[in-house]
Every structure is written in C-alpha cells, then in structure tokens.
Amino acid sequence: MRLALIHRTPGSAPAPTDSTAWRTCLREIHFLPSHRVAFETGVLTDAEAYTLLLEVVCGLRSPLIGETEVQAQFKQFLASTAAGNRSLSRLGQRVLGDAKRIRHKHLQGFGAHSYGRLTAPHLVGQRLAVIGTRALAAEVVRAAPEGVQVDLWGRSSERVLPTRPAGLSFSLISDAATCKSLCDEPTTVVVAAPIEHDDLSAVLSRYQSVLRAIDLRSSDQQTVISKTGRVVLLGDLLSEAARTDIGGGPRLLAARTDIRERAVAFAHRVKIRPVGCDDVCA
C-alpha cells in the first residue's frame, strides 16, 4: 500500500473522504487510504509525501526553522489518533526515528531558539496577558520574568496549561466583552493562538496600559492590533533569530538532502514489499 497525503492550510477545504487529519495552527495533513488516491486532487505519494512529512516534523517548514514544537505535536497526534491504526502508528514511528537521526546529525543546536526565548526580551511591564492555552502559550508563560502576574486567555477552561505557575490566572475569551473590571498595570499582550479581530479587541480593552503587543500568529492570520504601544510581529522575531544563525545554510541543505535520501529509501521499500502498510512502514 502507498503512503498518500494532502497538505494544505487549515480550513481551506472540507476533509477528504476517509482521511485521518493531523492539524496544527499552520497546516493540515490528511492521510488517505491508498484506494482514495485516484479520487482526490493535490495528493502527494510515496517519496514526495514522506519528504514533506519529515521536513514538517524536523521543523524545516516552520517559521522558526528547526523548532521542536511541531515534533511534539506530531507525537501527540500519534498518541491520540493512531493508537487504533497500526499502519499509521508504524509510519509515525519511522518518521520520528528518521527525524531524531536528522536532528542529531544536522540540526543539533541549530538556532538555539524557541518561541519563548525569542519572545522573552520583549516582555515588559508588570503584567503579561497571553492569548492561547497550548504549547506556544506555554513557552511564552515559561519565559515570563519572575514575579510578573500572568493572565491567560483561552476558549475553554479544559485547555488551560497543565501546570500553573504562581501568579497565573485564567479567563475565557468569550467573557472579555462583558467583563467590567479593568487592569491599569503596564502590560504586554502576547497573541499565541488564532483569534478574530473582535475577540482580540475585547481582550485588549481589559488593559488600560498596553506597552507592547507581540503577535505570534502567521502572517495570513494576523489582524490589526490597535490602541497599544509597539507591536512586534512574528516576522520581526524571526529576523532577529536569523541574524544569529549565520552559517546555518549548509547544514539545512545537508538535512534536506538526507531527508530526500530517506524518502527514496522509504518509497523503494514500498515497491519491493507491497504486501501492506503494516509491513512497508515498519
């Protein structure tokens, strides 16, 4: 059986029939049954599909090149979705094994950055308001200066960070528009999750003195942030990181070459052992 997937931006089209979807903030990857390949458009197969998947898991398709958050998200996807799907589970373990070897060989210490580390120098004021409750928000919270009050805003209390540092409080985004209490402490607001303009404006209105807003959304998700001091965009942080990554180009090229070679080996295994995905993904 062949590896077949569709890679696209979130919500750009309905999910393909019988697919298994891995979703992140930036992308959707739909794993297709091989019998569906002829009925779908934009399908990547075999070596091309494996190359894409391995580049994503290695962080080579992320705004912050070489980051490890997406690999953690892939592990979570496998744990939650692939538990009852033996072929997908074995494929995922092969991808993770190859990613580990590529990181060790080519990307060890690459950039020495995380989103939290890039954000840390910009966290000013007595208070920090973080919009989001997942891995990206957790990185920002961990980067907060000691003793700073942290306000966490999310869409569900069930998704609050698993560990709550001292001085952290949680509020629902849906309550922001009707909340009457205002904060007058100098505050930095960090947008660490997709959010519509009206909801973002409602959260910002809770703070009378926003010194800085840091927008970690991708460029296609960003909306205007008004009534604040300086606005720092994700692109600004990535430019700062790039200035310290001089000389990383050859290592990235070597990593991508290694990935292509592993993808060809994977596709060759599919051709010579076409008895089922449980076998070819081993």
C-alpha atoms as a PDB file:
ATOM      1  CA  MET A   1       0.000   0.000   0.000  1.00  0.00           C
ATOM      2  CA  ARG A   2       1.182   3.531  -0.782  1.00  0.00           C
ATOM      3  CA  LEU A   3       1.717   6.485   1.503  1.00  0.00           C
ATOM      4  CA  ALA A   4      -0.667   9.200   0.324  1.00  0.00           C
ATOM      5  CA  LEU A   5      -1.443  12.565   1.910  1.00  0.00           C
ATOM      6  CA  ILE A   6      -2.797  16.031   1.239  1.00  0.00           C
ATOM      7  CA  HIS A   7      -1.047  19.077   2.705  1.00  0.00           C
ATOM      8  CA  ARG A   8      -2.871  22.413   2.926  1.00  0.00           C
ATOM      9  CA  THR A   9      -3.682  25.403   5.118  1.00  0.00           C
ATOM     10  CA  PRO A  10      -6.259  24.893   7.899  1.00  0.00           C
ATOM     11  CA  GLY A  11      -9.894  25.123   6.833  1.00  0.00           C
ATOM     12  CA  SER A  12      -9.138  25.714   3.153  1.00  0.00           C
ATOM     13  CA  ALA A  13     -11.397  22.819   2.077  1.00  0.00           C
ATOM     14  CA  PRO A  14     -13.513  20.033   3.603  1.00  0.00           C
ATOM     15  CA  ALA A  15     -11.641  16.986   4.872  1.00  0.00           C
ATOM     16  CA  PRO A  16     -11.164  14.295   2.196  1.00  0.00           C
ATOM     17  CA  THR A  17     -13.291  11.169   2.500  1.00  0.00           C
ATOM     18  CA  ASP A  18     -11.974   8.539   4.942  1.00  0.00           C
ATOM     19  CA  SER A  19      -8.871  10.596   5.756  1.00  0.00           C
ATOM     20  CA  THR A  20      -7.073  10.897   9.085  1.00  0.00           C
ATOM     21  CA  ALA A  21      -6.099  14.511   9.775  1.00  0.00           C
ATOM     22  CA  TRP A  22      -3.158  15.954  11.676  1.00  0.00           C
ATOM     23  CA  ARG A  23      -3.853  19.638  12.311  1.00  0.00           C
ATOM     24  CA  THR A  24      -1.602  22.391  13.645  1.00  0.00           C
ATOM     25  CA  CYS A  25      -2.016  26.172  13.642  1.00  0.00           C
ATOM     26  CA  LEU A  26      -0.255  26.421  10.277  1.00  0.00           C
ATOM     27  CA  ARG A  27      -1.257  23.303   8.362  1.00  0.00           C
ATOM     28  CA  GLU A  28      -3.451  20.266   7.861  1.00  0.00           C
ATOM     29  CA  ILE A  29      -2.009  16.944   6.710  1.00  0.00           C
ATOM     30  CA  HIS A  30      -4.647  14.412   5.666  1.00  0.00           C
ATOM     31  CA  PHE A  31      -3.501  10.792   5.475  1.00  0.00           C
ATOM     32  CA  LEU A  32      -5.507   8.982   2.780  1.00  0.00           C
ATOM     33  CA  PRO A  33      -6.343   5.318   2.266  1.00  0.00           C
ATOM     34  CA  SER A  34      -4.491   4.246  -0.873  1.00  0.00           C
ATOM     35  CA  HIS A  35      -7.736   3.364  -2.671  1.00  0.00           C
ATOM     36  CA  ARG A  36      -8.791   7.037  -2.440  1.00  0.00           C
ATOM     37  CA  VAL A  37      -5.719   8.429  -4.233  1.00  0.00           C
ATOM     38  CA  ALA A  38      -7.299   8.408  -7.687  1.00  0.00           C
ATOM     39  CA  PHE A  39     -10.332  10.335  -6.412  1.00  0.00           C
ATOM     40  CA  GLU A  40      -8.552  13.249  -4.724  1.00  0.00           C
ATOM     41  CA  THR A  41      -6.665  16.272  -6.065  1.00  0.00           C
ATOM     42  CA  GLY A  42      -3.390  17.634  -4.736  1.00  0.00           C
ATOM     43  CA  VAL A  43      -2.269  14.241  -3.407  1.00  0.00           C
ATOM     44  CA  LEU A  44       1.384  13.628  -2.544  1.00  0.00           C
ATOM     45  CA  THR A  45       2.500   9.992  -2.609  1.00  0.00           C
ATOM     46  CA  ASP A  46       5.418   7.795  -1.629  1.00  0.00           C
ATOM     47  CA  ALA A  47       8.805   9.631  -1.630  1.00  0.00           C
ATOM     48  CA  GLU A  48       7.247  13.057  -2.193  1.00  0.00           C
ATOM     49  CA  ALA A  49       4.808  12.525   0.691  1.00  0.00           C
ATOM     50  CA  TYR A  50       7.480  11.166   3.023  1.00  0.00           C
ATOM     51  CA  THR A  51       9.779  14.105   2.235  1.00  0.00           C
ATOM     52  CA  LEU A  52       7.046  16.607   3.115  1.00  0.00           C
ATOM     53  CA  LEU A  53       6.129  14.813   6.329  1.00  0.00           C
ATOM     54  CA  LEU A  54       9.729  14.503   7.504  1.00  0.00           C
ATOM     55  CA  GLU A  55      10.527  18.148   6.686  1.00  0.00           C
ATOM     56  CA  VAL A  56       7.493  19.258   8.707  1.00  0.00           C
ATOM     57  CA  VAL A  57       8.372  17.087  11.730  1.00  0.00           C
ATOM     58  CA  CYS A  58      12.003  18.273  11.624  1.00  0.00           C
ATOM     59  CA  GLY A  59      10.805  21.892  11.746  1.00  0.00           C
ATOM     60  CA  LEU A  60      12.126  22.749   8.288  1.00  0.00           C
ATOM     61  CA  ARG A  61       8.722  24.020   7.165  1.00  0.00           C
ATOM     62  CA  SER A  62       8.127  26.108  10.295  1.00  0.00           C
ATOM     63  CA  PRO A  63       8.522  29.892  10.551  1.00  0.00           C
ATOM     64  CA  LEU A  64      11.230  29.242  13.152  1.00  0.00           C
ATOM     65  CA  ILE A  65      13.463  26.788  11.267  1.00  0.00           C
ATOM     66  CA  GLY A  66      14.440  23.735  13.276  1.00  0.00           C
ATOM     67  CA  GLU A  67      11.966  24.284  16.109  1.00  0.00           C
ATOM     68  CA  THR A  68      10.847  21.199  18.037  1.00  0.00           C
ATOM     69  CA  GLU A  69       7.267  22.141  18.916  1.00  0.00           C
ATOM     70  CA  VAL A  70       5.847  20.609  15.738  1.00  0.00           C
ATOM     71  CA  GLN A  71       7.562  17.295  16.528  1.00  0.00           C
ATOM     72  CA  ALA A  72       5.882  17.276  19.941  1.00  0.00           C
ATOM     73  CA  GLN A  73       2.553  17.966  18.225  1.00  0.00           C
ATOM     74  CA  PHE A  74       3.130  15.028  15.868  1.00  0.00           C
ATOM     75  CA  LYS A  75       3.807  12.741  18.828  1.00  0.00           C
ATOM     76  CA  GLN A  76       0.561  13.894  20.433  1.00  0.00           C
ATOM     77  CA  PHE A  77      -1.283  13.221  17.180  1.00  0.00           C
ATOM     78  CA  LEU A  78       0.081   9.694  17.015  1.00  0.00           C
ATOM     79  CA  ALA A  79      -0.794   9.024  20.645  1.00  0.00           C
ATOM     80  CA  SER A  80      -4.373  10.234  20.264  1.00  0.00           C
ATOM     81  CA  THR A  81      -5.263   9.245  16.703  1.00  0.00           C
ATOM     82  CA  ALA A  82      -3.022   6.451  15.548  1.00  0.00           C
ATOM     83  CA  ALA A  83      -3.451   4.200  18.586  1.00  0.00           C
ATOM     84  CA  GLY A  84      -6.097   2.174  16.765  1.00  0.00           C
ATOM     85  CA  ASN A  85      -4.428   2.479  13.362  1.00  0.00           C
ATOM     86  CA  ARG A  86      -1.458   0.167  13.255  1.00  0.00           C
ATOM     87  CA  SER A  87      -0.182   1.216   9.846  1.00  0.00           C
ATOM     88  CA  LEU A  88      -0.269   4.934  10.681  1.00  0.00           C
ATOM     89  CA  SER A  89       1.338   4.295  14.056  1.00  0.00           C
ATOM     90  CA  ARG A  90       4.225   2.401  12.471  1.00  0.00           C
ATOM     91  CA  LEU A  91       4.653   5.056   9.794  1.00  0.00           C
ATOM     92  CA  GLY A  92       4.748   7.723  12.513  1.00  0.00           C
ATOM     93  CA  GLN A  93       7.396   5.859  14.486  1.00  0.00           C
ATOM     94  CA  ARG A  94       9.542   5.575  11.368  1.00  0.00           C
ATOM     95  CA  VAL A  95       9.187   9.309  10.747  1.00  0.00           C
ATOM     96  CA  LEU A  96      10.100  10.117  14.357  1.00  0.00           C
ATOM     97  CA  GLY A  97      13.121   7.816  14.183  1.00  0.00           C
ATOM     98  CA  ASP A  98      14.365   9.455  10.990  1.00  0.00           C
ATOM     99  CA  ALA A  99      13.688  12.921  12.432  1.00  0.00           C
ATOM    100  CA  LYS A 100      15.737  12.088  15.524  1.00  0.00           C
ATOM    101  CA  ARG A 101      18.691  10.967  13.406  1.00  0.00           C
ATOM    102  CA  ILE A 102      18.482  14.039  11.136  1.00  0.00           C
ATOM    103  CA  ARG A 103      18.332  16.415  14.100  1.00  0.00           C
ATOM    104  CA  HIS A 104      21.326  14.736  15.744  1.00  0.00           C
ATOM    105  CA  LYS A 105      23.362  14.762  12.538  1.00  0.00           C
ATOM    106  CA  HIS A 106      22.464  18.136  11.044  1.00  0.00           C
ATOM    107  CA  LEU A 107      20.342  20.324  13.333  1.00  0.00           C
ATOM    108  CA  GLN A 108      21.818  19.863  16.807  1.00  0.00           C
ATOM    109  CA  GLY A 109      21.829  23.273  18.476  1.00  0.00           C
ATOM    110  CA  PHE A 110      20.571  24.871  15.280  1.00  0.00           C
ATOM    111  CA  GLY A 111      19.486  28.410  16.030  1.00  0.00           C
ATOM    112  CA  ALA A 112      19.395  27.683  19.772  1.00  0.00           C
ATOM    113  CA  HIS A 113      15.995  29.356  19.775  1.00  0.00           C
ATOM    114  CA  SER A 114      12.489  28.668  20.926  1.00  0.00           C
ATOM    115  CA  TYR A 115       9.479  30.919  20.509  1.00  0.00           C
ATOM    116  CA  GLY A 116       9.573  31.582  24.231  1.00  0.00           C
ATOM    117  CA  ARG A 117      13.238  32.541  24.133  1.00  0.00           C
ATOM    118  CA  LEU A 118      12.658  34.891  21.192  1.00  0.00           C
ATOM    119  CA  THR A 119       9.725  36.494  22.974  1.00  0.00           C
ATOM    120  CA  ALA A 120      11.421  36.912  26.377  1.00  0.00           C
ATOM    121  CA  PRO A 121      13.356  40.151  25.675  1.00  0.00           C
ATOM    122  CA  HIS A 122      10.113  41.853  24.632  1.00  0.00           C
ATOM    123  CA  LEU A 123       8.126  41.012  27.775  1.00  0.00           C
ATOM    124  CA  VAL A 124       7.996  44.374  29.525  1.00  0.00           C
ATOM    125  CA  GLY A 125       5.752  45.831  32.201  1.00  0.00           C
ATOM    126  CA  GLN A 126       4.297  44.490  35.415  1.00  0.00           C
ATOM    127  CA  ARG A 127       1.760  42.197  33.802  1.00  0.00           C
ATOM    128  CA  LEU A 128       1.652  39.677  30.952  1.00  0.00           C
ATOM    129  CA  ALA A 129      -1.541  38.758  29.093  1.00  0.00           C
ATOM    130  CA  VAL A 130      -1.213  35.624  26.937  1.00  0.00           C
ATOM    131  CA  ILE A 131      -3.941  34.658  24.465  1.00  0.00           C
ATOM    132  CA  GLY A 132      -3.813  30.893  23.945  1.00  0.00           C
ATOM    133  CA  THR A 133      -3.536  27.777  26.085  1.00  0.00           C
ATOM    134  CA  ARG A 134      -1.474  25.317  24.089  1.00  0.00           C
ATOM    135  CA  ALA A 135       2.238  24.621  23.560  1.00  0.00           C
ATOM    136  CA  LEU A 136       3.119  28.047  22.135  1.00  0.00           C
ATOM    137  CA  ALA A 137       1.404  29.839  25.010  1.00  0.00           C
ATOM    138  CA  ALA A 138       3.172  27.537  27.476  1.00  0.00           C
ATOM    139  CA  GLU A 139       6.557  28.569  26.038  1.00  0.00           C
ATOM    140  CA  VAL A 140       5.698  32.241  26.496  1.00  0.00           C
ATOM    141  CA  VAL A 141       4.492  31.700  30.068  1.00  0.00           C
ATOM    142  CA  ARG A 142       7.718  29.878  30.935  1.00  0.00           C
ATOM    143  CA  ALA A 143       9.676  32.822  29.509  1.00  0.00           C
ATOM    144  CA  ALA A 144       7.868  35.380  31.692  1.00  0.00           C
ATOM    145  CA  PRO A 145      10.086  37.308  34.126  1.00  0.00           C
ATOM    146  CA  GLU A 146       9.902  36.054  37.684  1.00  0.00           C
ATOM    147  CA  GLY A 147       7.204  37.721  39.762  1.00  0.00           C
ATOM    148  CA  VAL A 148       5.153  39.012  36.819  1.00  0.00           C
ATOM    149  CA  GLN A 149       1.396  38.458  37.023  1.00  0.00           C
ATOM    150  CA  VAL A 150       0.251  36.332  34.058  1.00  0.00           C
ATOM    151  CA  ASP A 151      -3.289  36.497  32.661  1.00  0.00           C
ATOM    152  CA  LEU A 152      -4.083  33.559  30.412  1.00  0.00           C
ATOM    153  CA  TRP A 153      -6.973  33.894  27.937  1.00  0.00           C
ATOM    154  CA  GLY A 154      -8.493  30.871  26.208  1.00  0.00           C
ATOM    155  CA  ARG A 155     -11.653  29.463  24.683  1.00  0.00           C
ATOM    156  CA  SER A 156     -12.110  26.604  27.140  1.00  0.00           C
ATOM    157  CA  SER A 157     -11.023  26.030  30.708  1.00  0.00           C
ATOM    158  CA  GLU A 158     -10.341  22.399  29.748  1.00  0.00           C
ATOM    159  CA  ARG A 159      -7.340  23.536  27.716  1.00  0.00           C
ATOM    160  CA  VAL A 160      -5.604  25.513  30.425  1.00  0.00           C
ATOM    161  CA  LEU A 161      -1.886  24.821  30.691  1.00  0.00           C
ATOM    162  CA  PRO A 162      -1.232  21.573  32.584  1.00  0.00           C
ATOM    163  CA  THR A 163       0.999  23.380  35.076  1.00  0.00           C
ATOM    164  CA  ARG A 164       0.001  26.735  36.527  1.00  0.00           C
ATOM    165  CA  PRO A 165       2.903  28.894  37.722  1.00  0.00           C
ATOM    166  CA  ALA A 166       2.366  31.105  40.742  1.00  0.00           C
ATOM    167  CA  GLY A 167       0.672  34.330  39.731  1.00  0.00           C
ATOM    168  CA  LEU A 168      -1.233  32.885  36.769  1.00  0.00           C
ATOM    169  CA  SER A 169      -4.967  33.407  36.311  1.00  0.00           C
ATOM    170  CA  PHE A 170      -7.294  32.151  33.554  1.00  0.00           C
ATOM    171  CA  SER A 171     -10.184  33.898  31.793  1.00  0.00           C
ATOM    172  CA  LEU A 172     -12.445  32.925  28.908  1.00  0.00           C
ATOM    173  CA  ILE A 173     -12.086  34.973  25.729  1.00  0.00           C
ATOM    174  CA  SER A 174     -15.873  34.882  25.398  1.00  0.00           C
ATOM    175  CA  ASP A 175     -16.194  36.796  28.690  1.00  0.00           C
ATOM    176  CA  ALA A 176     -13.844  39.624  27.694  1.00  0.00           C
ATOM    177  CA  ALA A 177     -16.515  41.775  26.022  1.00  0.00           C
ATOM    178  CA  THR A 178     -18.780  41.739  29.100  1.00  0.00           C
ATOM    179  CA  CYS A 179     -16.110  41.921  31.778  1.00  0.00           C
ATOM    180  CA  LYS A 180     -16.280  45.259  33.615  1.00  0.00           C
ATOM    181  CA  SER A 181     -13.016  45.089  35.528  1.00  0.00           C
ATOM    182  CA  LEU A 182     -10.027  46.884  34.014  1.00  0.00           C
ATOM    183  CA  CYS A 183      -6.335  46.411  34.634  1.00  0.00           C
ATOM    184  CA  ASP A 184      -4.281  49.600  34.911  1.00  0.00           C
ATOM    185  CA  GLU A 185      -0.846  47.989  35.296  1.00  0.00           C
ATOM    186  CA  PRO A 186       1.643  48.334  32.405  1.00  0.00           C
ATOM    187  CA  THR A 187       1.074  45.175  30.351  1.00  0.00           C
ATOM    188  CA  THR A 188       2.493  43.202  27.450  1.00  0.00           C
ATOM    189  CA  VAL A 189      -0.063  41.218  25.435  1.00  0.00           C
ATOM    190  CA  VAL A 190       1.078  38.117  23.534  1.00  0.00           C
ATOM    191  CA  VAL A 191      -1.163  36.600  20.853  1.00  0.00           C
ATOM    192  CA  ALA A 192      -0.226  32.909  20.861  1.00  0.00           C
ATOM    193  CA  ALA A 193      -3.299  31.431  19.141  1.00  0.00           C
ATOM    194  CA  PRO A 194      -5.623  32.224  16.220  1.00  0.00           C
ATOM    195  CA  ILE A 195      -8.201  34.830  17.250  1.00  0.00           C
ATOM    196  CA  GLU A 196     -10.677  37.010  15.398  1.00  0.00           C
ATOM    197  CA  HIS A 197     -10.345  40.803  15.402  1.00  0.00           C
ATOM    198  CA  ASP A 198     -13.413  41.439  17.600  1.00  0.00           C
ATOM    199  CA  ASP A 199     -12.322  38.945  20.257  1.00  0.00           C
ATOM    200  CA  LEU A 200      -8.795  40.339  20.260  1.00  0.00           C
ATOM    201  CA  SER A 201     -10.111  43.879  20.643  1.00  0.00           C
ATOM    202  CA  ALA A 202     -12.288  42.760  23.559  1.00  0.00           C
ATOM    203  CA  VAL A 203      -9.296  41.257  25.377  1.00  0.00           C
ATOM    204  CA  LEU A 204      -7.140  44.330  24.714  1.00  0.00           C
ATOM    205  CA  SER A 205      -9.882  46.577  26.087  1.00  0.00           C
ATOM    206  CA  ARG A 206      -9.415  44.958  29.510  1.00  0.00           C
ATOM    207  CA  TYR A 207      -5.986  46.627  29.775  1.00  0.00           C
ATOM    208  CA  GLN A 208      -5.624  50.399  30.075  1.00  0.00           C
ATOM    209  CA  SER A 209      -1.853  50.488  29.593  1.00  0.00           C
ATOM    210  CA  VAL A 210      -0.642  48.072  26.901  1.00  0.00           C
ATOM    211  CA  LEU A 211       3.041  48.815  26.454  1.00  0.00           C
ATOM    212  CA  ARG A 212       3.632  46.197  23.796  1.00  0.00           C
ATOM    213  CA  ALA A 213       1.734  43.599  21.764  1.00  0.00           C
ATOM    214  CA  ILE A 214       3.572  40.539  20.418  1.00  0.00           C
ATOM    215  CA  ASP A 215       1.729  38.760  17.614  1.00  0.00           C
ATOM    216  CA  LEU A 216       2.926  35.173  17.124  1.00  0.00           C
ATOM    217  CA  ARG A 217       0.300  34.333  14.512  1.00  0.00           C
ATOM    218  CA  SER A 218       1.410  33.550  10.975  1.00  0.00           C
ATOM    219  CA  SER A 219       1.160  36.432   8.518  1.00  0.00           C
ATOM    220  CA  ASP A 220      -2.046  35.123   6.929  1.00  0.00           C
ATOM    221  CA  GLN A 221      -3.782  35.062  10.333  1.00  0.00           C
ATOM    222  CA  GLN A 222      -2.676  38.459  11.605  1.00  0.00           C
ATOM    223  CA  THR A 223      -5.219  41.243  12.090  1.00  0.00           C
ATOM    224  CA  VAL A 224      -4.662  44.866  13.007  1.00  0.00           C
ATOM    225  CA  ILE A 225      -3.759  45.445  16.661  1.00  0.00           C
ATOM    226  CA  SER A 226      -4.731  48.951  17.725  1.00  0.00           C
ATOM    227  CA  LYS A 227      -4.591  51.075  20.892  1.00  0.00           C
ATOM    228  CA  THR A 228      -1.273  49.640  22.009  1.00  0.00           C
ATOM    229  CA  GLY A 229       2.316  50.732  22.207  1.00  0.00           C
ATOM    230  CA  ARG A 230       4.820  48.940  19.994  1.00  0.00           C
ATOM    231  CA  VAL A 231       3.610  45.901  18.025  1.00  0.00           C
ATOM    232  CA  VAL A 232       6.131  43.087  17.483  1.00  0.00           C
ATOM    233  CA  LEU A 233       5.215  40.626  14.736  1.00  0.00           C
ATOM    234  CA  LEU A 234       6.364  37.047  14.291  1.00  0.00           C
ATOM    235  CA  GLY A 235       8.408  38.155  11.291  1.00  0.00           C
ATOM    236  CA  ASP A 236      10.313  40.616  13.490  1.00  0.00           C
ATOM    237  CA  LEU A 237      11.269  37.822  15.899  1.00  0.00           C
ATOM    238  CA  LEU A 238      12.315  35.519  13.064  1.00  0.00           C
ATOM    239  CA  SER A 239      14.501  38.259  11.594  1.00  0.00           C
ATOM    240  CA  GLU A 240      16.207  38.642  14.967  1.00  0.00           C
ATOM    241  CA  ALA A 241      16.803  34.890  15.062  1.00  0.00           C
ATOM    242  CA  ALA A 242      18.158  34.832  11.503  1.00  0.00           C
ATOM    243  CA  ARG A 243      20.823  37.404  12.396  1.00  0.00           C
ATOM    244  CA  THR A 244      22.297  34.924  14.893  1.00  0.00           C
ATOM    245  CA  ASP A 245      22.065  31.915  12.563  1.00  0.00           C
ATOM    246  CA  ILE A 246      24.742  32.939  10.056  1.00  0.00           C
ATOM    247  CA  GLY A 247      26.364  29.792   8.627  1.00  0.00           C
ATOM    248  CA  GLY A 248      23.318  27.601   9.110  1.00  0.00           C
ATOM    249  CA  GLY A 249      22.575  27.337   5.380  1.00  0.00           C
ATOM    250  CA  PRO A 250      24.925  24.406   4.612  1.00  0.00           C
ATOM    251  CA  ARG A 251      23.505  22.394   7.500  1.00  0.00           C
ATOM    252  CA  LEU A 252      19.955  22.971   6.303  1.00  0.00           C
ATOM    253  CA  LEU A 253      20.938  21.874   2.794  1.00  0.00           C
ATOM    254  CA  ALA A 254      22.566  18.740   4.192  1.00  0.00           C
ATOM    255  CA  ALA A 255      19.460  17.987   6.278  1.00  0.00           C
ATOM    256  CA  ARG A 256      17.168  18.319   3.273  1.00  0.00           C
ATOM    257  CA  THR A 257      19.462  16.111   1.175  1.00  0.00           C
ATOM    258  CA  ASP A 258      19.422  13.471   3.918  1.00  0.00           C
ATOM    259  CA  ILE A 259      15.614  13.696   4.080  1.00  0.00           C
ATOM    260  CA  ARG A 260      15.272  13.139   0.333  1.00  0.00           C
ATOM    261  CA  GLU A 261      17.545  10.085   0.505  1.00  0.00           C
ATOM    262  CA  ARG A 262      15.490   8.612   3.342  1.00  0.00           C
ATOM    263  CA  ALA A 263      12.289   9.322   1.422  1.00  0.00           C
ATOM    264  CA  VAL A 264      13.609   7.494  -1.648  1.00  0.00           C
ATOM    265  CA  ALA A 265      14.564   4.550   0.565  1.00  0.00           C
ATOM    266  CA  PHE A 266      11.060   4.559   2.041  1.00  0.00           C
ATOM    267  CA  ALA A 267       9.434   4.587  -1.404  1.00  0.00           C
ATOM    268  CA  HIS A 268      11.737   1.774  -2.576  1.00  0.00           C
ATOM    269  CA  ARG A 269      10.659  -0.290   0.421  1.00  0.00           C
ATOM    270  CA  VAL A 270       7.038   0.247  -0.607  1.00  0.00           C
ATOM    271  CA  LYS A 271       7.775  -1.081  -4.106  1.00  0.00           C
ATOM    272  CA  ILE A 272       9.674  -4.199  -3.073  1.00  0.00           C
ATOM    273  CA  ARG A 273       7.386  -5.144  -0.164  1.00  0.00           C
ATOM    274  CA  PRO A 274       3.876  -4.266  -1.385  1.00  0.00           C
ATOM    275  CA  VAL A 275       2.033  -6.627   0.967  1.00  0.00           C
ATOM    276  CA  GLY A 276       0.501  -3.979   3.201  1.00  0.00           C
ATOM    277  CA  CYS A 277       1.276  -0.795   5.055  1.00  0.00           C
ATOM    278  CA  ASP A 278       1.916  -2.670   8.315  1.00  0.00           C
ATOM    279  CA  ASP A 279       4.907  -4.166   6.566  1.00  0.00           C
ATOM    280  CA  VAL A 280       6.181  -1.244   4.484  1.00  0.00           C
ATOM    281  CA  CYS A 281       6.018   1.253   7.332  1.00  0.00           C
ATOM    282  CA  ALA A 282       7.961  -0.969   9.706  1.00  0.00           C
END
